[in-house]
Amino acid sequence: MVHRVILTEAALDDLTSISDYLAEVAGEDVAAAYDAQLKAACLSLTEFPNRGRPRGQFRPGLRSIPFARLATIFYVAEKDQVQVVRVIHARRDLVAAFEDKRDIP
């Protein structure tokens, strides 16, 4: 079964923040390439969404997959869709990131 992938407002904000940071430190081309790869990783959840690591300590049903050792994609797999709730850089404090409640529908 193929699942539809939806990115929450918080996940979209995370992607923008990561891209903006990379554009500053590494240039627009690097940022654009990384952003495309990170979005492709999110979309890869259309098939086998339950492959990620359970992360129920942050939210019931939450799972995660790593991306290039630099970010982690957090999501909830539902019957026919996957909701990407956060995309968090490896250096961020996960507890603090999940205190932001924008990702809870």
N, C-alpha and C. Protein backbone atom coordinates (compact mmCIF):
# COMPACT_ATOMS: atom_id res chain seq x y z
N MET A 1 0.84 -1.18 0.00
CA MET A 1 0.00 0.00 0.00
C MET A 1 0.88 1.25 0.00
N VAL A 2 0.54 2.19 -0.81
CA VAL A 2 1.26 3.45 -0.88
C VAL A 2 0.54 4.47 -0.01
N HIS A 3 1.29 5.12 0.86
CA HIS A 3 0.74 6.13 1.76
C HIS A 3 1.00 7.53 1.21
N ARG A 4 0.10 8.42 1.48
CA ARG A 4 0.30 9.83 1.14
C ARG A 4 1.14 10.47 2.24
N VAL A 5 2.10 11.31 1.88
CA VAL A 5 2.95 11.99 2.85
C VAL A 5 2.51 13.44 3.00
N ILE A 6 2.29 13.85 4.23
CA ILE A 6 1.89 15.21 4.55
C ILE A 6 2.93 15.79 5.50
N LEU A 7 3.37 17.00 5.26
CA LEU A 7 4.31 17.68 6.14
C LEU A 7 3.55 18.74 6.94
N THR A 8 3.72 18.71 8.26
CA THR A 8 3.07 19.70 9.11
C THR A 8 3.76 21.06 8.96
N GLU A 9 3.12 22.07 9.49
CA GLU A 9 3.71 23.42 9.49
C GLU A 9 5.06 23.42 10.18
N ALA A 10 5.17 22.69 11.29
CA ALA A 10 6.44 22.62 12.02
C ALA A 10 7.53 21.96 11.18
N ALA A 11 7.18 20.90 10.46
CA ALA A 11 8.16 20.22 9.61
C ALA A 11 8.61 21.13 8.47
N LEU A 12 7.68 21.85 7.87
CA LEU A 12 8.04 22.79 6.81
C LEU A 12 8.94 23.90 7.34
N ASP A 13 8.64 24.39 8.54
CA ASP A 13 9.50 25.40 9.18
C ASP A 13 10.90 24.85 9.42
N ASP A 14 10.97 23.59 9.86
CA ASP A 14 12.27 22.95 10.09
C ASP A 14 13.07 22.88 8.79
N LEU A 15 12.43 22.47 7.71
CA LEU A 15 13.11 22.37 6.42
C LEU A 15 13.63 23.73 5.97
N THR A 16 12.82 24.76 6.15
CA THR A 16 13.24 26.11 5.78
C THR A 16 14.43 26.56 6.61
N SER A 17 14.39 26.31 7.91
CA SER A 17 15.49 26.70 8.79
C SER A 17 16.79 26.01 8.41
N ILE A 18 16.71 24.73 8.13
CA ILE A 18 17.90 23.97 7.73
C ILE A 18 18.46 24.51 6.42
N SER A 19 17.57 24.74 5.47
CA SER A 19 17.99 25.25 4.16
C SER A 19 18.61 26.65 4.28
N ASP A 20 17.99 27.51 5.06
CA ASP A 20 18.51 28.86 5.26
C ASP A 20 19.90 28.83 5.88
N TYR A 21 20.07 27.98 6.88
CA TYR A 21 21.37 27.86 7.54
C TYR A 21 22.44 27.38 6.54
N LEU A 22 22.12 26.34 5.79
CA LEU A 22 23.08 25.82 4.82
C LEU A 22 23.42 26.85 3.75
N ALA A 23 22.45 27.61 3.33
CA ALA A 23 22.71 28.64 2.32
C ALA A 23 23.72 29.66 2.84
N GLU A 24 23.61 29.99 4.12
CA GLU A 24 24.56 30.94 4.73
C GLU A 24 25.96 30.38 4.84
N VAL A 25 26.08 29.13 5.28
CA VAL A 25 27.41 28.58 5.56
C VAL A 25 28.04 27.84 4.39
N ALA A 26 27.22 27.33 3.47
CA ALA A 26 27.77 26.51 2.39
C ALA A 26 27.38 26.98 0.99
N GLY A 27 26.44 27.90 0.91
CA GLY A 27 26.03 28.41 -0.39
C GLY A 27 24.67 27.88 -0.84
N GLU A 28 24.08 28.61 -1.76
CA GLU A 28 22.75 28.28 -2.25
C GLU A 28 22.68 26.91 -2.94
N ASP A 29 23.69 26.57 -3.72
CA ASP A 29 23.67 25.28 -4.44
C ASP A 29 23.67 24.10 -3.48
N VAL A 30 24.51 24.17 -2.46
CA VAL A 30 24.57 23.09 -1.47
C VAL A 30 23.25 23.00 -0.72
N ALA A 31 22.71 24.15 -0.34
CA ALA A 31 21.44 24.18 0.38
C ALA A 31 20.31 23.58 -0.46
N ALA A 32 20.26 23.94 -1.73
CA ALA A 32 19.20 23.43 -2.62
C ALA A 32 19.31 21.92 -2.80
N ALA A 33 20.53 21.42 -2.97
CA ALA A 33 20.73 19.98 -3.14
C ALA A 33 20.35 19.22 -1.87
N TYR A 34 20.77 19.73 -0.73
CA TYR A 34 20.46 19.08 0.55
C TYR A 34 18.96 19.09 0.79
N ASP A 35 18.32 20.22 0.51
CA ASP A 35 16.88 20.34 0.69
C ASP A 35 16.14 19.32 -0.18
N ALA A 36 16.56 19.17 -1.42
CA ALA A 36 15.92 18.20 -2.32
C ALA A 36 16.09 16.77 -1.80
N GLN A 37 17.28 16.45 -1.31
CA GLN A 37 17.54 15.11 -0.78
C GLN A 37 16.73 14.85 0.49
N LEU A 38 16.62 15.86 1.33
CA LEU A 38 15.87 15.71 2.58
C LEU A 38 14.38 15.55 2.29
N LYS A 39 13.86 16.31 1.35
CA LYS A 39 12.44 16.15 0.97
C LYS A 39 12.20 14.79 0.34
N ALA A 40 13.14 14.31 -0.47
CA ALA A 40 13.01 12.97 -1.06
C ALA A 40 12.99 11.90 0.03
N ALA A 41 13.78 12.09 1.07
CA ALA A 41 13.77 11.14 2.19
C ALA A 41 12.41 11.13 2.88
N CYS A 42 11.80 12.31 3.02
CA CYS A 42 10.46 12.38 3.61
C CYS A 42 9.46 11.64 2.72
N LEU A 43 9.55 11.86 1.41
CA LEU A 43 8.63 11.21 0.48
C LEU A 43 8.86 9.71 0.38
N SER A 44 10.06 9.24 0.77
CA SER A 44 10.33 7.80 0.73
C SER A 44 9.45 7.04 1.72
N LEU A 45 8.81 7.75 2.61
CA LEU A 45 7.94 7.11 3.60
C LEU A 45 6.61 6.65 2.99
N THR A 46 6.39 6.91 1.71
CA THR A 46 5.16 6.45 1.06
C THR A 46 5.05 4.93 1.10
N GLU A 47 6.18 4.26 1.07
CA GLU A 47 6.20 2.80 1.17
C GLU A 47 6.97 2.39 2.42
N PHE A 48 6.48 1.43 3.13
CA PHE A 48 7.09 0.91 4.35
C PHE A 48 7.29 1.98 5.43
N PRO A 49 6.24 2.72 5.77
CA PRO A 49 6.40 3.80 6.74
C PRO A 49 6.71 3.32 8.16
N ASN A 50 6.43 2.08 8.47
CA ASN A 50 6.68 1.59 9.82
C ASN A 50 8.12 1.13 10.04
N ARG A 51 9.00 1.41 9.08
CA ARG A 51 10.39 0.98 9.20
C ARG A 51 11.17 1.79 10.23
N GLY A 52 10.68 2.95 10.58
CA GLY A 52 11.41 3.83 11.49
C GLY A 52 11.41 3.35 12.94
N ARG A 53 12.27 3.96 13.69
CA ARG A 53 12.42 3.67 15.12
C ARG A 53 11.26 4.28 15.91
N PRO A 54 10.61 3.51 16.78
CA PRO A 54 9.55 4.07 17.62
C PRO A 54 10.11 5.16 18.55
N ARG A 55 9.40 6.29 18.63
CA ARG A 55 9.83 7.42 19.47
C ARG A 55 8.67 7.91 20.34
N GLY A 56 7.97 6.96 20.95
CA GLY A 56 6.80 7.27 21.77
C GLY A 56 7.07 8.17 22.97
N GLN A 57 8.32 8.33 23.35
CA GLN A 57 8.63 9.21 24.48
C GLN A 57 8.32 10.67 24.16
N PHE A 58 8.23 11.01 22.88
CA PHE A 58 7.92 12.38 22.48
C PHE A 58 6.44 12.56 22.14
N ARG A 59 5.84 11.53 21.57
CA ARG A 59 4.44 11.58 21.16
C ARG A 59 3.98 10.16 20.84
N PRO A 60 2.78 9.77 21.26
CA PRO A 60 2.31 8.41 20.94
C PRO A 60 2.29 8.18 19.43
N GLY A 61 2.81 7.02 19.02
CA GLY A 61 2.80 6.65 17.62
C GLY A 61 3.91 7.25 16.78
N LEU A 62 4.75 8.08 17.39
CA LEU A 62 5.81 8.75 16.65
C LEU A 62 6.93 7.77 16.31
N ARG A 63 7.47 7.91 15.11
CA ARG A 63 8.59 7.11 14.64
C ARG A 63 9.61 8.06 14.04
N SER A 64 10.82 7.57 13.81
CA SER A 64 11.84 8.42 13.17
C SER A 64 12.75 7.61 12.28
N ILE A 65 13.28 8.31 11.27
CA ILE A 65 14.33 7.76 10.42
C ILE A 65 15.45 8.80 10.35
N PRO A 66 16.69 8.34 10.35
CA PRO A 66 17.79 9.30 10.23
C PRO A 66 17.98 9.72 8.78
N PHE A 67 18.58 10.89 8.61
CA PHE A 67 18.94 11.36 7.29
C PHE A 67 20.39 11.82 7.31
N ALA A 68 21.25 11.11 6.61
CA ALA A 68 22.66 11.49 6.41
C ALA A 68 23.38 11.87 7.71
N ARG A 69 22.99 11.28 8.81
CA ARG A 69 23.60 11.55 10.12
C ARG A 69 23.50 13.00 10.57
N LEU A 70 22.80 13.83 9.82
CA LEU A 70 22.72 15.25 10.14
C LEU A 70 21.32 15.71 10.53
N ALA A 71 20.34 14.89 10.27
CA ALA A 71 18.96 15.26 10.60
C ALA A 71 18.17 13.99 10.88
N THR A 72 17.06 14.16 11.56
CA THR A 72 16.16 13.05 11.83
C THR A 72 14.75 13.48 11.43
N ILE A 73 14.09 12.61 10.70
CA ILE A 73 12.73 12.86 10.25
C ILE A 73 11.79 12.13 11.22
N PHE A 74 10.91 12.89 11.85
CA PHE A 74 9.95 12.34 12.81
C PHE A 74 8.57 12.33 12.17
N TYR A 75 7.85 11.22 12.30
CA TYR A 75 6.57 11.09 11.60
C TYR A 75 5.65 10.12 12.33
N VAL A 76 4.37 10.20 11.95
CA VAL A 76 3.35 9.28 12.44
C VAL A 76 2.74 8.60 11.23
N ALA A 77 2.77 7.27 11.23
CA ALA A 77 2.17 6.50 10.14
C ALA A 77 0.73 6.18 10.51
N GLU A 78 -0.17 6.55 9.63
CA GLU A 78 -1.59 6.28 9.84
C GLU A 78 -2.07 5.32 8.77
N LYS A 79 -3.36 5.04 8.74
CA LYS A 79 -3.90 4.02 7.84
C LYS A 79 -3.47 4.22 6.38
N ASP A 80 -3.64 5.41 5.84
CA ASP A 80 -3.33 5.64 4.44
C ASP A 80 -2.45 6.86 4.21
N GLN A 81 -1.90 7.41 5.29
CA GLN A 81 -1.02 8.56 5.14
C GLN A 81 0.08 8.57 6.20
N VAL A 82 1.11 9.32 5.90
CA VAL A 82 2.22 9.52 6.83
C VAL A 82 2.30 11.02 7.07
N GLN A 83 2.27 11.38 8.34
CA GLN A 83 2.37 12.80 8.69
C GLN A 83 3.77 13.06 9.25
N VAL A 84 4.56 13.82 8.49
CA VAL A 84 5.89 14.21 8.95
C VAL A 84 5.68 15.39 9.89
N VAL A 85 6.04 15.20 11.17
CA VAL A 85 5.76 16.23 12.17
C VAL A 85 6.94 17.15 12.46
N ARG A 86 8.16 16.64 12.31
CA ARG A 86 9.36 17.46 12.53
C ARG A 86 10.50 16.89 11.69
N VAL A 87 11.43 17.77 11.32
CA VAL A 87 12.68 17.38 10.69
C VAL A 87 13.74 18.14 11.48
N ILE A 88 14.46 17.42 12.33
CA ILE A 88 15.30 18.08 13.32
C ILE A 88 16.77 17.80 13.06
N HIS A 89 17.54 18.87 13.02
CA HIS A 89 18.99 18.77 12.84
C HIS A 89 19.60 18.03 14.02
N ALA A 90 20.64 17.29 13.77
CA ALA A 90 21.27 16.43 14.78
C ALA A 90 21.77 17.20 16.00
N ARG A 91 22.08 18.47 15.86
CA ARG A 91 22.60 19.25 16.99
C ARG A 91 21.52 19.89 17.85
N ARG A 92 20.27 19.78 17.43
CA ARG A 92 19.19 20.37 18.22
C ARG A 92 18.83 19.50 19.39
N ASP A 93 18.32 20.11 20.43
CA ASP A 93 17.84 19.43 21.62
C ASP A 93 16.45 18.86 21.29
N LEU A 94 16.33 17.53 21.24
CA LEU A 94 15.07 16.91 20.86
C LEU A 94 13.94 17.22 21.84
N VAL A 95 14.24 17.19 23.13
CA VAL A 95 13.21 17.47 24.13
C VAL A 95 12.65 18.87 23.92
N ALA A 96 13.52 19.85 23.74
CA ALA A 96 13.07 21.23 23.51
C ALA A 96 12.28 21.33 22.20
N ALA A 97 12.72 20.63 21.18
CA ALA A 97 12.02 20.69 19.89
C ALA A 97 10.60 20.16 20.02
N PHE A 98 10.39 19.14 20.82
CA PHE A 98 9.06 18.57 20.95
C PHE A 98 8.21 19.26 22.01
N GLU A 99 8.74 20.24 22.68
CA GLU A 99 7.91 21.07 23.56
C GLU A 99 7.06 22.03 22.75
N ASP A 100 7.46 22.27 21.51
CA ASP A 100 6.69 23.08 20.57
C ASP A 100 5.50 22.23 20.13
N LYS A 101 4.30 22.65 20.40
CA LYS A 101 3.12 21.82 20.15
C LYS A 101 2.48 22.06 18.78
N ARG A 102 3.15 22.79 17.87
CA ARG A 102 2.57 23.04 16.55
C ARG A 102 2.39 21.76 15.75
N ASP A 103 3.12 20.71 16.09
CA ASP A 103 3.05 19.49 15.28
C ASP A 103 1.90 18.58 15.67
N ILE A 104 1.15 18.94 16.70
CA ILE A 104 0.05 18.08 17.14
C ILE A 104 -1.25 18.60 16.53
N PRO A 105 -1.88 17.75 15.73
CA PRO A 105 -3.12 18.19 15.05
C PRO A 105 -4.25 18.46 16.03
